């Protein structure tokens, strides 16, 4: 009985010695913190894993930027995959319901002009200003406008439901006041031309691109009081699901008479 007790005690001692050896080895191999770390500094893993110490604000900014960037890329890929799966799933479902008729139900929309709340304000420093107010939804019932087959309206933009080649178009009536004594336009910089264009944006691309635009110079008024310009632009554009199409002008104050303005697109 005494021998068994001795063996048990020896085994316990051996295990304790082994544990202490492992702990000492871990402590011995751990990297030492710099002795020069001040109260306004912290230490975090750097880009390649090594411990890096710097001022708290700078190091946190760098660490969060790297971490958020990696996470954002993961979320972006997941969103792209989810969006494609959703489109594929619904395309099959719609085809099973409508068969060939589905392909004749092409997304299309035409929005009509509406008074702009900020038409009296102008940001002279901005190159282009988006037209954020259009008649849409129920407001189109008594107009020539419409929204069909999946086109959505969002903050002045038309959102494309499916990939394809679209015909995009827009007309705006631009009114510019002039100095009665000279007939010259009342603008700070006459070298900046009058511009009207259509743009596309996709949250997955993070970039807004110009599809088509029209540019015309300022002119001396023949009646000395105002200039009126009618601008129409149109183009074919290869768009993908989720693209947001908008209209922009170089000066929002030019949109004084909006009843005849319109903006639209349709899948061809």
Protein backbone atom coordinates (compact mmCIF):
# COMPACT_ATOMS: atom_id res chain seq x y z
CA UNK A 1 0.00 0.00 0.00
CA UNK A 2 2.90 2.34 0.87
CA UNK A 3 4.54 1.59 -2.47
CA UNK A 4 1.39 2.52 -4.38
CA UNK A 5 1.13 5.80 -2.47
CA UNK A 6 4.77 6.57 -3.21
CA UNK A 7 4.23 5.88 -6.93
CA UNK A 8 1.19 8.17 -6.97
CA UNK A 9 3.10 10.96 -5.24
CA UNK A 10 5.98 10.59 -7.71
CA UNK A 11 3.60 10.75 -10.68
CA UNK A 12 1.98 13.92 -9.31
CA UNK A 13 5.39 15.51 -8.80
CA UNK A 14 6.46 14.64 -12.34
CA UNK A 15 3.26 16.19 -13.77
CA UNK A 16 3.78 19.35 -11.72
CA UNK A 17 7.39 19.63 -12.91
CA UNK A 18 6.29 19.20 -16.55
CA UNK A 19 3.59 21.91 -16.19
CA UNK A 20 6.02 24.33 -14.60
CA UNK A 21 8.53 23.66 -17.39
CA UNK A 22 5.90 24.41 -20.07
CA UNK A 23 4.83 27.64 -18.31
CA UNK A 24 8.44 28.79 -17.99
CA UNK A 25 9.04 28.03 -21.66
CA UNK A 26 6.00 30.07 -22.72
CA UNK A 27 7.02 32.99 -20.53
CA UNK A 28 10.57 32.79 -21.84
CA UNK A 29 9.48 32.87 -25.51
CA UNK A 30 6.88 35.68 -25.15
CA UNK A 31 7.96 38.96 -26.81
CA UNK A 32 8.87 41.67 -24.38
CA UNK A 33 6.91 44.92 -24.42
CA UNK A 34 8.99 47.97 -25.24
CA UNK A 35 10.20 49.75 -22.14
CA UNK A 36 9.64 53.12 -23.78
CA UNK A 37 5.83 52.93 -24.04
CA UNK A 38 4.35 56.15 -22.71
CA UNK A 39 0.93 56.79 -21.20
CA UNK A 40 -0.42 58.02 -24.57
CA UNK A 41 0.71 54.90 -26.43
CA UNK A 42 -0.68 51.40 -26.96
CA UNK A 43 0.62 48.23 -28.60
CA UNK A 44 -1.35 46.25 -31.20
CA UNK A 45 -0.54 43.60 -33.82
CA UNK A 46 0.85 45.21 -36.97
CA UNK A 47 0.06 44.39 -40.60
CA UNK A 48 2.34 41.33 -40.57
CA UNK A 49 1.53 40.13 -37.04
CA UNK A 50 4.44 41.68 -35.15
CA UNK A 51 3.61 43.81 -32.13
CA UNK A 52 3.74 47.51 -32.91
CA UNK A 53 3.59 50.41 -30.44
CA UNK A 54 2.63 53.97 -31.33
CA UNK A 55 0.40 56.84 -30.22
CA UNK A 56 -3.08 55.61 -29.33
CA UNK A 57 -4.95 57.63 -31.98
CA UNK A 58 -2.61 56.77 -34.89
CA UNK A 59 -2.33 53.09 -34.05
CA UNK A 60 -6.07 52.65 -33.50
CA UNK A 61 -6.81 54.44 -36.80
CA UNK A 62 -4.39 52.19 -38.71
CA UNK A 63 -5.67 49.03 -37.00
CA UNK A 64 -9.35 49.84 -37.53
CA UNK A 65 -8.73 50.85 -41.15
CA UNK A 66 -7.12 47.50 -41.92
CA UNK A 67 -9.73 45.53 -40.01
CA UNK A 68 -12.73 47.39 -41.49
CA UNK A 69 -11.30 47.17 -45.02
CA UNK A 70 -10.98 43.38 -44.74
CA UNK A 71 -14.47 43.05 -43.28
CA UNK A 72 -15.94 45.33 -45.95
CA UNK A 73 -14.44 43.18 -48.72
CA UNK A 74 -16.04 40.09 -47.17
CA UNK A 75 -19.45 41.80 -46.90
CA UNK A 76 -19.19 43.10 -50.46
CA UNK A 77 -18.53 39.61 -51.83
CA UNK A 78 -21.41 38.21 -49.77
CA UNK A 79 -23.76 40.92 -51.10
CA UNK A 80 -22.73 40.25 -54.70
CA UNK A 81 -23.29 36.52 -54.23
CA UNK A 82 -26.65 37.09 -52.48
CA UNK A 83 -27.81 39.51 -55.19
CA UNK A 84 -26.88 37.10 -57.99
CA UNK A 85 -28.59 34.19 -56.24
CA UNK A 86 -31.73 36.29 -55.75
CA UNK A 87 -31.83 37.30 -59.42
CA UNK A 88 -31.25 33.74 -60.62
CA UNK A 89 -33.95 32.40 -58.32
CA UNK A 90 -36.54 34.98 -59.39
CA UNK A 91 -35.66 34.70 -63.08
CA UNK A 92 -36.46 30.98 -63.01
CA UNK A 93 -39.68 31.59 -61.07
CA UNK A 94 -40.88 34.29 -63.43
CA UNK A 95 -40.03 32.23 -66.48
CA UNK A 96 -42.05 29.32 -65.10
CA UNK A 97 -45.06 31.63 -64.60
CA UNK A 98 -44.95 33.82 -67.70
CA UNK A 99 -42.88 31.68 -70.09
CA UNK A 100 -42.04 33.75 -73.22
CA UNK A 101 -44.33 36.58 -72.19
CA UNK A 102 -41.86 37.44 -69.42
CA UNK A 103 -39.30 38.65 -71.94
CA UNK A 104 -41.86 41.06 -73.42
CA UNK A 105 -42.41 42.66 -70.00
CA UNK A 106 -39.42 44.94 -70.26
CA UNK A 107 -38.65 47.36 -67.41
CA UNK A 108 -39.38 50.96 -68.39
CA UNK A 109 -40.07 54.29 -66.71
CA UNK A 110 -40.63 57.92 -67.53
CA UNK A 111 -40.62 60.54 -64.78
CA UNK A 112 -41.94 64.06 -65.32
CA UNK A 113 -40.70 67.39 -64.02
CA UNK A 114 -41.41 68.70 -60.55
CA UNK A 115 -40.59 71.91 -58.71
CA UNK A 116 -37.23 71.76 -56.93
CA UNK A 117 -37.26 72.81 -53.24
CA UNK A 118 -33.68 74.07 -53.51
CA UNK A 119 -34.08 75.77 -56.91
CA UNK A 120 -33.25 79.14 -55.35
CA UNK A 121 -29.92 77.89 -54.08
CA UNK A 122 -26.84 77.21 -56.12
CA UNK A 123 -23.54 75.66 -55.16
CA UNK A 124 -21.13 77.50 -57.44
CA UNK A 125 -18.30 75.18 -56.40
CA UNK A 126 -20.08 71.99 -57.47
CA UNK A 127 -19.43 70.76 -60.98
CA UNK A 128 -22.85 69.12 -61.29
CA UNK A 129 -25.96 69.12 -59.07
CA UNK A 130 -28.39 66.16 -59.05
CA UNK A 131 -32.07 66.76 -59.81
CA UNK A 132 -33.61 65.05 -56.79
CA UNK A 133 -37.31 65.81 -57.33
CA UNK A 134 -39.37 64.07 -60.05
CA UNK A 135 -43.03 63.11 -60.24
CA UNK A 136 -43.22 59.38 -59.58
CA UNK A 137 -45.61 56.69 -58.36
CA UNK A 138 -49.17 58.01 -58.05
CA UNK A 139 -48.07 61.49 -59.11
CA UNK A 140 -47.72 60.14 -62.66
CA UNK A 141 -51.40 59.18 -63.08
CA UNK A 142 -52.39 62.46 -64.76
CA UNK A 143 -49.16 62.84 -66.74
CA UNK A 144 -47.39 61.11 -69.62
CA UNK A 145 -45.09 59.37 -67.14
CA UNK A 146 -45.09 55.74 -65.96
CA UNK A 147 -43.11 53.10 -64.03
CA UNK A 148 -43.32 49.50 -65.21
CA UNK A 149 -42.03 46.00 -64.48
CA UNK A 150 -39.64 46.38 -61.59
CA UNK A 151 -38.23 49.88 -62.03
CA UNK A 152 -37.91 51.57 -58.63
CA UNK A 153 -37.60 55.22 -57.66
CA UNK A 154 -35.11 56.27 -54.97
CA UNK A 155 -34.28 59.87 -54.05
CA UNK A 156 -34.48 61.19 -57.61
CA UNK A 157 -32.92 58.08 -59.16
CA UNK A 158 -34.30 55.17 -61.18
CA UNK A 159 -33.05 51.77 -59.99
CA UNK A 160 -32.55 49.11 -62.68
CA UNK A 161 -34.04 45.67 -61.78
CA UNK A 162 -32.24 43.41 -64.31
CA UNK A 163 -29.10 43.41 -66.44
CA UNK A 164 -29.38 44.52 -70.04
CA UNK A 165 -29.01 47.25 -72.63
CA UNK A 166 -31.19 50.27 -71.84
CA UNK A 167 -32.19 53.39 -73.73
CA UNK A 168 -31.81 56.31 -71.30
CA UNK A 169 -33.04 59.82 -72.02
CA UNK A 170 -33.79 63.18 -70.43
CA UNK A 171 -35.07 66.65 -71.36
CA UNK A 172 -34.81 69.78 -69.23
CA UNK A 173 -35.81 73.38 -69.85
CA UNK A 174 -33.11 75.68 -68.45
CA UNK A 175 -33.85 79.33 -67.69
CA UNK A 176 -31.07 81.84 -67.05
CA UNK A 177 -31.55 85.44 -65.91
CA UNK A 178 -29.47 88.19 -67.48
CA UNK A 179 -28.38 91.75 -66.68
CA UNK A 180 -30.87 94.07 -68.49
CA UNK A 181 -28.17 96.68 -69.11
CA UNK A 182 -25.83 94.33 -70.96
CA UNK A 183 -27.80 91.15 -71.67
CA UNK A 184 -25.01 89.09 -70.09
CA UNK A 185 -25.97 86.12 -67.86
CA UNK A 186 -26.06 86.77 -64.10
CA UNK A 187 -23.47 84.14 -63.20
CA UNK A 188 -20.14 84.44 -61.41
CA UNK A 189 -18.17 82.47 -63.98
CA UNK A 190 -19.34 82.58 -67.59
CA UNK A 191 -16.46 80.30 -68.61
CA UNK A 192 -18.23 77.43 -66.85
CA UNK A 193 -20.64 76.09 -69.48
CA UNK A 194 -24.24 74.97 -69.00
CA UNK A 195 -24.24 71.19 -68.65
CA UNK A 196 -26.98 68.57 -68.47
CA UNK A 197 -26.25 64.88 -68.20
CA UNK A 198 -27.29 61.38 -67.15
CA UNK A 199 -25.18 59.44 -64.64
CA UNK A 200 -25.15 55.92 -63.20
CA UNK A 201 -24.11 54.71 -59.76
CA UNK A 202 -23.89 51.29 -58.14
CA UNK A 203 -23.16 50.80 -54.44
CA UNK A 204 -21.01 47.77 -55.23
CA UNK A 205 -18.80 49.78 -57.61
CA UNK A 206 -18.59 52.83 -55.30
CA UNK A 207 -18.10 55.08 -58.35
CA UNK A 208 -20.51 57.33 -60.26
CA UNK A 209 -20.02 57.43 -64.04
CA UNK A 210 -21.36 59.76 -66.69
CA UNK A 211 -23.41 58.06 -69.41
CA UNK A 212 -24.17 61.04 -71.66
CA UNK A 213 -24.16 64.82 -71.34
CA UNK A 214 -24.82 68.01 -73.29
CA UNK A 215 -22.74 71.19 -72.94
CA UNK A 216 -23.53 74.65 -74.25
CA UNK A 217 -21.88 78.02 -73.57
CA UNK A 218 -23.52 81.04 -71.98
CA UNK A 219 -24.88 83.54 -74.50
CA UNK A 220 -25.78 87.21 -74.46
CA UNK A 221 -29.56 87.49 -74.29
CA UNK A 222 -31.30 88.83 -77.37
CA UNK A 223 -34.06 90.31 -75.17
CA UNK A 224 -31.57 91.53 -72.49
CA UNK A 225 -33.54 89.83 -69.67
CA UNK A 226 -33.11 86.07 -69.89
CA UNK A 227 -31.88 83.06 -71.85
CA UNK A 228 -33.87 79.86 -72.28
CA UNK A 229 -32.23 76.59 -73.27
CA UNK A 230 -33.86 73.27 -74.09
CA UNK A 231 -31.48 70.36 -73.55
CA UNK A 232 -32.17 66.77 -74.62
CA UNK A 233 -29.74 63.88 -74.10
CA UNK A 234 -30.12 60.16 -74.81
CA UNK A 235 -27.93 57.11 -75.17
CA UNK A 236 -27.78 53.32 -75.09
CA UNK A 237 -26.16 51.99 -71.91
CA UNK A 238 -25.24 48.53 -70.68
CA UNK A 239 -26.62 48.45 -67.14
CA UNK A 240 -26.71 45.81 -64.44
CA UNK A 241 -29.21 45.10 -61.70
CA UNK A 242 -28.90 47.64 -58.93
CA UNK A 243 -27.55 50.49 -61.08
CA UNK A 244 -29.08 53.84 -60.11
CA UNK A 245 -29.64 56.35 -62.93
CA UNK A 246 -29.89 60.07 -62.23
CA UNK A 247 -30.00 63.44 -64.00
CA UNK A 248 -27.65 66.30 -63.12
CA UNK A 249 -27.36 69.93 -64.20
CA UNK A 250 -24.55 72.44 -63.72
CA UNK A 251 -26.80 74.88 -61.83
CA UNK A 252 -30.00 73.88 -60.03
CA UNK A 253 -31.36 77.46 -60.16
CA UNK A 254 -31.82 77.06 -63.94
CA UNK A 255 -34.77 74.70 -63.28
CA UNK A 256 -37.52 77.30 -62.92
CA UNK A 257 -40.15 75.88 -65.30
CA UNK A 258 -40.16 72.13 -64.77
CA UNK A 259 -43.55 71.07 -66.16
CA UNK A 260 -42.12 69.93 -69.52
CA UNK A 261 -39.02 68.19 -68.08
CA UNK A 262 -38.79 64.41 -68.17
CA UNK A 263 -36.36 61.59 -67.49
CA UNK A 264 -36.62 57.90 -68.29
CA UNK A 265 -35.22 54.61 -69.49
CA UNK A 266 -36.39 51.33 -70.99
CA UNK A 267 -34.85 47.92 -71.61
CA UNK A 268 -34.45 47.16 -75.31
